[in-house]
Amino acid sequence: MANELRINDETALSLYSQKKIEELIKPLQKEIFLTNSYVAGFTALPESDREELFKEAGLSKELILKREPNDFSEDTIRVYGLSGKPLGYVADKDNEILARLMDAGKSIKAVCNTCLITKDGEEDGYLPYVGIAVYLVDF
């Protein structure tokens, strides 16, 4: 059965399809750019985990955002890789408005737009930096 419209009870139209609802809605979605931010706390991870997660957060890869209020902030948003492993948190400077949008049921999406190794300045150490672009996914 192909996509087709049918009349139900002579008052309502419905779409019958073999596609999943996500596939039907996808063309109606708009991604609205909100801000550029970065993943805070990434350098606090054990060094052995950092290398693996740094690769997982590669350029243009989508990351998962979840609200995780804690004792330090009610607005905390945790950033996860697609494997489900935590990478860190959305930077404090950006999380208040994003947290309120998420609490209101809005869909927020993050995409890695920067993966750098920056010089620490102390003892010639190097630090990974993961930048993210944050979007509101709207219908």
Protein backbone atom coordinates (compact mmCIF):
# COMPACT_ATOMS: atom_id res chain seq x y z
CA MET A 1 0.00 0.00 0.00
CA ALA A 2 1.52 3.35 -1.03
CA ASN A 3 1.01 6.63 0.79
CA GLU A 4 -2.62 7.51 0.43
CA LEU A 5 -5.23 9.74 2.00
CA ARG A 6 -8.43 8.26 3.30
CA ILE A 7 -11.56 9.77 4.75
CA ASN A 8 -12.52 8.48 8.20
CA ASP A 9 -16.03 8.99 9.56
CA GLU A 10 -16.64 11.43 6.70
CA THR A 11 -15.02 14.23 8.72
CA ALA A 12 -11.31 13.49 9.09
CA LEU A 13 -8.52 12.76 6.67
CA SER A 14 -5.67 10.47 7.66
CA LEU A 15 -2.48 9.40 5.97
CA TYR A 16 -1.83 5.69 5.60
CA SER A 17 1.79 4.89 5.05
CA GLN A 18 4.27 2.09 5.52
CA LYS A 19 6.92 4.63 6.54
CA LYS A 20 7.80 5.40 10.15
CA ILE A 21 6.43 8.65 11.57
CA GLU A 22 10.00 10.07 11.80
CA GLU A 23 10.40 9.64 8.04
CA LEU A 24 7.11 11.41 7.35
CA ILE A 25 7.90 14.35 9.63
CA LYS A 26 11.56 14.83 8.61
CA PRO A 27 10.79 17.00 5.54
CA LEU A 28 8.74 19.31 7.77
CA GLN A 29 11.55 19.90 10.29
CA LYS A 30 13.60 23.07 10.38
CA GLU A 31 16.88 23.43 12.25
CA ILE A 32 17.25 26.93 13.67
CA PHE A 33 20.79 27.86 14.71
CA LEU A 34 20.90 29.10 18.31
CA THR A 35 24.54 29.45 19.36
CA ASN A 36 28.09 28.18 19.22
CA SER A 37 29.38 26.75 22.48
CA TYR A 38 31.87 24.18 23.69
CA VAL A 39 31.99 21.03 25.80
CA ALA A 40 33.14 21.95 29.31
CA GLY A 41 34.70 19.32 31.56
CA PHE A 42 36.10 17.28 28.69
CA THR A 43 39.63 17.63 30.06
CA ALA A 44 38.51 16.24 33.45
CA LEU A 45 37.95 12.83 31.85
CA PRO A 46 40.71 10.22 32.22
CA GLU A 47 43.25 10.67 29.43
CA SER A 48 42.63 7.15 28.11
CA ASP A 49 38.92 7.98 27.63
CA ARG A 50 39.60 11.42 26.16
CA GLU A 51 41.34 10.14 23.03
CA GLU A 52 38.54 7.70 22.21
CA LEU A 53 35.80 10.25 22.91
CA PHE A 54 37.65 12.97 21.01
CA LYS A 55 37.49 10.77 17.90
CA GLU A 56 33.81 10.00 18.59
CA ALA A 57 33.00 13.71 18.72
CA GLY A 58 34.53 14.23 15.27
CA LEU A 59 33.56 17.11 13.02
CA SER A 60 29.96 17.27 11.84
CA LYS A 61 28.88 14.46 14.14
CA GLU A 62 25.65 14.90 16.04
CA LEU A 63 25.91 14.79 19.83
CA ILE A 64 23.21 14.02 22.38
CA LEU A 65 22.10 16.65 24.92
CA LYS A 66 20.32 15.69 28.14
CA ARG A 67 19.20 17.79 31.08
CA GLU A 68 21.01 16.83 34.29
CA PRO A 69 20.42 19.41 37.04
CA ASN A 70 22.85 18.99 39.94
CA ASP A 71 23.89 20.67 43.21
CA PHE A 72 25.94 23.30 41.37
CA SER A 73 23.39 24.40 38.78
CA GLU A 74 19.75 23.79 37.95
CA ASP A 75 20.53 24.46 34.27
CA THR A 76 23.14 21.76 33.65
CA ILE A 77 23.04 20.02 30.25
CA ARG A 78 25.18 16.92 29.75
CA VAL A 79 26.74 16.19 26.35
CA TYR A 80 26.99 12.57 25.19
CA GLY A 81 28.53 10.93 22.17
CA LEU A 82 26.40 8.67 20.01
CA SER A 83 27.74 5.67 21.93
CA GLY A 84 26.09 7.06 25.05
CA LYS A 85 29.36 7.91 26.80
CA PRO A 86 29.44 11.34 28.48
CA LEU A 87 31.77 13.93 26.94
CA GLY A 88 31.14 16.76 29.39
CA TYR A 89 28.66 19.62 29.75
CA VAL A 90 27.38 22.54 27.70
CA ALA A 91 29.40 25.57 28.82
CA ASP A 92 27.82 27.46 31.75
CA LYS A 93 27.62 30.65 29.72
CA ASP A 94 25.13 29.02 27.32
CA ASN A 95 23.14 26.52 29.33
CA GLU A 96 20.47 28.70 31.01
CA ILE A 97 18.44 29.52 27.89
CA LEU A 98 19.03 26.09 26.33
CA ALA A 99 17.89 24.39 29.56
CA ARG A 100 14.69 26.43 29.62
CA LEU A 101 13.93 25.49 26.02
CA MET A 102 14.53 21.81 26.78
CA ASP A 103 12.36 22.02 29.92
CA ALA A 104 9.58 23.48 27.77
CA GLY A 105 9.70 20.37 25.59
CA LYS A 106 11.67 21.83 22.68
CA SER A 107 14.04 19.57 20.77
CA ILE A 108 17.63 20.83 20.93
CA LYS A 109 20.40 19.32 18.82
CA ALA A 110 24.19 19.75 18.99
CA VAL A 111 26.68 19.13 16.20
CA CYS A 112 30.43 19.09 16.70
CA ASN A 113 31.90 21.97 14.68
CA THR A 114 35.41 22.15 16.14
CA CYS A 115 37.86 19.51 17.32
CA LEU A 116 41.21 20.98 18.28
CA ILE A 117 44.21 20.15 20.38
CA THR A 118 45.28 23.42 22.01
CA LYS A 119 48.52 24.17 23.81
CA ASP A 120 47.99 24.30 27.57
CA GLY A 121 50.82 26.72 28.32
CA GLU A 122 51.92 24.69 31.32
CA GLU A 123 54.74 22.19 30.84
CA ASP A 124 54.04 21.99 27.11
CA GLY A 125 50.79 20.15 27.76
CA TYR A 126 48.03 19.95 25.17
CA LEU A 127 44.29 20.06 25.75
CA PRO A 128 41.47 18.85 23.53
CA TYR A 129 38.76 21.38 22.67
CA VAL A 130 35.35 20.30 21.37
CA GLY A 131 33.19 23.08 19.94
CA ILE A 132 29.49 22.59 19.24
CA ALA A 133 26.84 24.33 17.20
CA VAL A 134 23.43 24.17 18.92
CA TYR A 135 20.15 24.09 16.98
CA LEU A 136 16.46 24.19 17.82
CA VAL A 137 14.66 21.49 15.84
CA ASP A 138 11.23 22.87 14.98
CA PHE A 139 8.25 21.73 12.90
